[in-house]
Structures are given as structure tokens and as C-alpha cells.
N, C-alpha and C. Protein backbone atom coordinates (compact mmCIF):
# COMPACT_ATOMS: atom_id res chain seq x y z
N MET A 1 48.09 3.56 -27.49
CA MET A 1 49.39 3.01 -27.76
C MET A 1 49.58 1.77 -26.89
N SER A 2 50.22 0.79 -27.44
CA SER A 2 50.41 -0.46 -26.73
C SER A 2 51.90 -0.75 -26.55
N TYR A 3 52.27 -1.20 -25.37
CA TYR A 3 53.66 -1.51 -25.07
C TYR A 3 53.77 -2.98 -24.68
N THR A 4 54.87 -3.59 -25.05
CA THR A 4 55.12 -4.96 -24.63
C THR A 4 55.78 -4.93 -23.26
N GLN A 5 55.76 -6.04 -22.60
CA GLN A 5 56.42 -6.11 -21.30
C GLN A 5 57.92 -5.88 -21.46
N ALA A 6 58.49 -6.38 -22.54
CA ALA A 6 59.93 -6.21 -22.78
C ALA A 6 60.28 -4.73 -22.95
N SER A 7 59.48 -3.99 -23.73
CA SER A 7 59.79 -2.58 -23.94
C SER A 7 59.59 -1.79 -22.65
N SER A 8 58.60 -2.18 -21.86
CA SER A 8 58.36 -1.52 -20.58
C SER A 8 59.53 -1.76 -19.62
N MET A 9 60.01 -3.00 -19.59
CA MET A 9 61.14 -3.33 -18.72
C MET A 9 62.41 -2.61 -19.19
N ALA A 10 62.61 -2.49 -20.50
CA ALA A 10 63.77 -1.78 -21.03
C ALA A 10 63.73 -0.30 -20.64
N ALA A 11 62.56 0.30 -20.70
CA ALA A 11 62.42 1.71 -20.32
C ALA A 11 62.70 1.89 -18.83
N GLU A 12 62.19 0.99 -18.01
CA GLU A 12 62.44 1.07 -16.57
C GLU A 12 63.93 0.92 -16.26
N ALA A 13 64.60 0.00 -16.95
CA ALA A 13 66.04 -0.21 -16.73
C ALA A 13 66.84 1.02 -17.15
N ALA A 14 66.46 1.63 -18.28
CA ALA A 14 67.16 2.83 -18.76
C ALA A 14 67.00 3.97 -17.76
N ALA A 15 65.80 4.15 -17.24
CA ALA A 15 65.56 5.22 -16.27
C ALA A 15 66.30 4.94 -14.97
N ALA A 16 66.30 3.70 -14.54
CA ALA A 16 66.98 3.33 -13.28
C ALA A 16 68.48 3.57 -13.36
N LYS A 17 69.04 3.43 -14.55
CA LYS A 17 70.48 3.65 -14.77
C LYS A 17 70.88 5.05 -14.32
N TYR A 18 70.04 6.02 -14.57
CA TYR A 18 70.37 7.42 -14.24
C TYR A 18 69.85 7.87 -12.89
N ARG A 19 68.85 7.18 -12.37
CA ARG A 19 68.30 7.56 -11.06
C ARG A 19 69.30 7.33 -9.95
N ASP A 20 70.12 6.33 -10.10
CA ASP A 20 71.17 6.00 -9.13
C ASP A 20 70.61 5.89 -7.72
N GLY A 21 69.43 5.29 -7.60
CA GLY A 21 68.83 5.06 -6.29
C GLY A 21 68.11 6.26 -5.71
N VAL A 22 68.12 7.39 -6.40
CA VAL A 22 67.45 8.59 -5.91
C VAL A 22 65.96 8.46 -6.22
N GLU A 23 65.13 8.69 -5.21
CA GLU A 23 63.68 8.55 -5.37
C GLU A 23 63.02 9.90 -5.62
N GLY A 24 61.76 9.87 -5.92
CA GLY A 24 60.93 11.07 -6.04
C GLY A 24 61.26 11.93 -7.24
N GLU A 25 60.97 13.21 -7.08
CA GLU A 25 61.12 14.17 -8.17
C GLU A 25 62.57 14.28 -8.64
N ALA A 26 63.51 14.26 -7.70
CA ALA A 26 64.92 14.36 -8.07
C ALA A 26 65.35 13.15 -8.91
N GLY A 27 64.92 11.96 -8.54
CA GLY A 27 65.24 10.76 -9.30
C GLY A 27 64.64 10.80 -10.69
N ALA A 28 63.40 11.25 -10.79
CA ALA A 28 62.74 11.37 -12.10
C ALA A 28 63.48 12.38 -12.97
N ALA A 29 63.87 13.50 -12.37
CA ALA A 29 64.59 14.52 -13.13
C ALA A 29 65.94 13.98 -13.60
N LEU A 30 66.64 13.24 -12.75
CA LEU A 30 67.92 12.65 -13.16
C LEU A 30 67.73 11.68 -14.32
N ALA A 31 66.67 10.90 -14.29
CA ALA A 31 66.40 9.96 -15.38
C ALA A 31 66.15 10.71 -16.68
N VAL A 32 65.37 11.79 -16.63
CA VAL A 32 65.09 12.56 -17.84
C VAL A 32 66.36 13.21 -18.37
N VAL A 33 67.18 13.76 -17.48
CA VAL A 33 68.43 14.39 -17.90
C VAL A 33 69.34 13.36 -18.58
N GLY A 34 69.50 12.21 -17.97
CA GLY A 34 70.36 11.18 -18.55
C GLY A 34 69.86 10.66 -19.88
N LEU A 35 68.58 10.38 -19.96
CA LEU A 35 68.00 9.90 -21.22
C LEU A 35 68.06 10.97 -22.31
N SER A 36 67.87 12.22 -21.93
CA SER A 36 67.97 13.32 -22.89
C SER A 36 69.40 13.47 -23.40
N ALA A 37 70.37 13.31 -22.52
CA ALA A 37 71.77 13.39 -22.93
C ALA A 37 72.11 12.27 -23.91
N ASP A 38 71.60 11.07 -23.66
CA ASP A 38 71.81 9.96 -24.59
C ASP A 38 71.24 10.30 -25.96
N ARG A 39 70.02 10.81 -25.97
CA ARG A 39 69.37 11.14 -27.23
C ARG A 39 70.12 12.25 -27.96
N ALA A 40 70.57 13.27 -27.23
CA ALA A 40 71.31 14.37 -27.84
C ALA A 40 72.61 13.86 -28.48
N ALA A 41 73.27 12.93 -27.81
CA ALA A 41 74.51 12.37 -28.37
C ALA A 41 74.23 11.62 -29.67
N ARG A 42 73.15 10.86 -29.71
CA ARG A 42 72.78 10.14 -30.95
C ARG A 42 72.45 11.13 -32.06
N GLU A 43 71.70 12.17 -31.74
CA GLU A 43 71.33 13.18 -32.74
C GLU A 43 72.56 13.92 -33.27
N THR A 44 73.51 14.21 -32.38
CA THR A 44 74.74 14.89 -32.79
C THR A 44 75.54 14.01 -33.74
N ALA A 45 75.61 12.73 -33.45
CA ALA A 45 76.34 11.80 -34.33
C ALA A 45 75.69 11.74 -35.71
N ILE A 46 74.36 11.71 -35.75
CA ILE A 46 73.65 11.71 -37.03
C ILE A 46 73.91 13.00 -37.78
N ARG A 47 73.81 14.13 -37.08
CA ARG A 47 74.06 15.43 -37.72
C ARG A 47 75.46 15.49 -38.30
N ASP A 48 76.45 15.05 -37.53
CA ASP A 48 77.83 15.09 -38.01
C ASP A 48 78.02 14.20 -39.23
N ASP A 49 77.41 13.04 -39.24
CA ASP A 49 77.48 12.16 -40.41
C ASP A 49 76.88 12.85 -41.63
N MET A 50 75.76 13.51 -41.45
CA MET A 50 75.10 14.17 -42.58
C MET A 50 75.88 15.40 -43.05
N ILE A 51 76.57 16.06 -42.13
CA ILE A 51 77.45 17.18 -42.52
C ILE A 51 78.54 16.65 -43.44
N ARG A 52 79.14 15.51 -43.08
CA ARG A 52 80.19 14.94 -43.93
C ARG A 52 79.63 14.51 -45.29
N VAL A 53 78.43 13.94 -45.29
CA VAL A 53 77.79 13.54 -46.56
C VAL A 53 77.55 14.77 -47.42
N ALA A 54 77.00 15.82 -46.84
CA ALA A 54 76.72 17.04 -47.61
C ALA A 54 78.00 17.61 -48.21
N HIS A 55 79.08 17.61 -47.43
CA HIS A 55 80.34 18.16 -47.92
C HIS A 55 80.90 17.30 -49.05
N ARG A 56 80.86 15.98 -48.89
CA ARG A 56 81.33 15.10 -49.96
C ARG A 56 80.50 15.26 -51.23
N ALA A 57 79.23 15.61 -51.06
CA ALA A 57 78.34 15.78 -52.21
C ALA A 57 78.48 17.15 -52.86
N GLY A 58 79.31 18.02 -52.27
CA GLY A 58 79.59 19.30 -52.91
C GLY A 58 79.12 20.54 -52.19
N ALA A 59 78.47 20.40 -51.06
CA ALA A 59 78.03 21.59 -50.31
C ALA A 59 79.26 22.27 -49.70
N SER A 60 79.23 23.58 -49.68
CA SER A 60 80.35 24.33 -49.10
C SER A 60 80.24 24.38 -47.57
N ILE A 61 81.34 24.70 -46.95
CA ILE A 61 81.36 24.87 -45.49
C ILE A 61 80.35 25.94 -45.08
N ARG A 62 80.29 27.02 -45.85
CA ARG A 62 79.35 28.10 -45.54
C ARG A 62 77.90 27.62 -45.63
N GLN A 63 77.58 26.87 -46.68
CA GLN A 63 76.21 26.37 -46.83
C GLN A 63 75.84 25.45 -45.67
N ILE A 64 76.76 24.58 -45.31
CA ILE A 64 76.50 23.65 -44.21
C ILE A 64 76.37 24.41 -42.90
N SER A 65 77.23 25.41 -42.72
CA SER A 65 77.18 26.23 -41.51
C SER A 65 75.82 26.92 -41.39
N ASP A 66 75.35 27.50 -42.48
CA ASP A 66 74.05 28.18 -42.48
C ASP A 66 72.91 27.21 -42.16
N ALA A 67 72.96 26.03 -42.77
CA ALA A 67 71.88 25.05 -42.58
C ALA A 67 71.88 24.46 -41.18
N SER A 68 73.06 24.26 -40.61
CA SER A 68 73.16 23.59 -39.32
C SER A 68 73.06 24.52 -38.12
N GLY A 69 73.32 25.80 -38.35
CA GLY A 69 73.36 26.74 -37.24
C GLY A 69 74.67 26.72 -36.49
N LEU A 70 75.63 25.96 -37.02
CA LEU A 70 76.96 25.91 -36.42
C LEU A 70 77.86 26.93 -37.11
N GLY A 71 78.90 27.33 -36.43
CA GLY A 71 79.88 28.21 -37.05
C GLY A 71 80.71 27.45 -38.08
N ARG A 72 81.43 28.19 -38.89
CA ARG A 72 82.24 27.55 -39.92
C ARG A 72 83.37 26.72 -39.35
N LYS A 73 83.97 27.17 -38.25
CA LYS A 73 85.06 26.41 -37.64
C LYS A 73 84.60 25.03 -37.16
N PRO A 74 83.49 24.94 -36.44
CA PRO A 74 83.02 23.61 -36.03
C PRO A 74 82.66 22.72 -37.21
N VAL A 75 82.05 23.30 -38.24
CA VAL A 75 81.71 22.51 -39.43
C VAL A 75 82.98 21.99 -40.08
N LYS A 76 83.97 22.85 -40.22
CA LYS A 76 85.24 22.43 -40.83
C LYS A 76 85.89 21.31 -40.01
N ALA A 77 85.83 21.42 -38.69
CA ALA A 77 86.40 20.39 -37.82
C ALA A 77 85.66 19.06 -37.99
N ILE A 78 84.35 19.11 -38.15
CA ILE A 78 83.57 17.89 -38.36
C ILE A 78 83.92 17.26 -39.69
N VAL A 79 84.01 18.09 -40.72
CA VAL A 79 84.32 17.59 -42.06
C VAL A 79 85.72 16.96 -42.09
N GLU A 80 86.65 17.54 -41.38
CA GLU A 80 88.04 17.07 -41.41
C GLU A 80 88.33 15.94 -40.42
N ALA A 81 87.38 15.65 -39.55
CA ALA A 81 87.58 14.57 -38.56
C ALA A 81 87.68 13.22 -39.27
N PRO A 82 88.48 12.32 -38.72
CA PRO A 82 88.63 11.00 -39.36
C PRO A 82 87.36 10.16 -39.33
């Protein structure tokens, strides 16, 4: 795999954002936690968008709940959100 200098610098900057000056294993762990939280937030936003698409296309709350692993109340809240 090949990386450009720009992508390498972007990765270093993203990790440094969460390290907050902490070195060693603790700093590395903080970087992974922060980057993982960012990714989880993006994935959640995509999931919620697709839940709304499925509902508009005719899927029931129960069907979406079963497919997503979420309860019916959270699915209903996502569908009804502005």
C-alpha cells in the first residue's frame, strides 16, 4: 500500500488531536479512542439516514428494528426526527 505525504500528515494531525500531548501507550490509546468515536458517529449518521430511507420506501418500524438491532422506540424516534 502506498501513502502520499499529504495523507500521512493528515493521519498524524488527526491522531495528535486526540493525544493532547500525552506520549506513549496512553497517547496512542487516546488517539484510537478518539478516531474510533469519530468513525462511529459517521456510521451512526449513515445508519439513521438509511433507516429514514427504508421507512419512506415502505418498511415498517418492526422490520427496520429487526434489521438494525435497535428497539422499536429508537427506530421510531429516528424516523420522526426532523
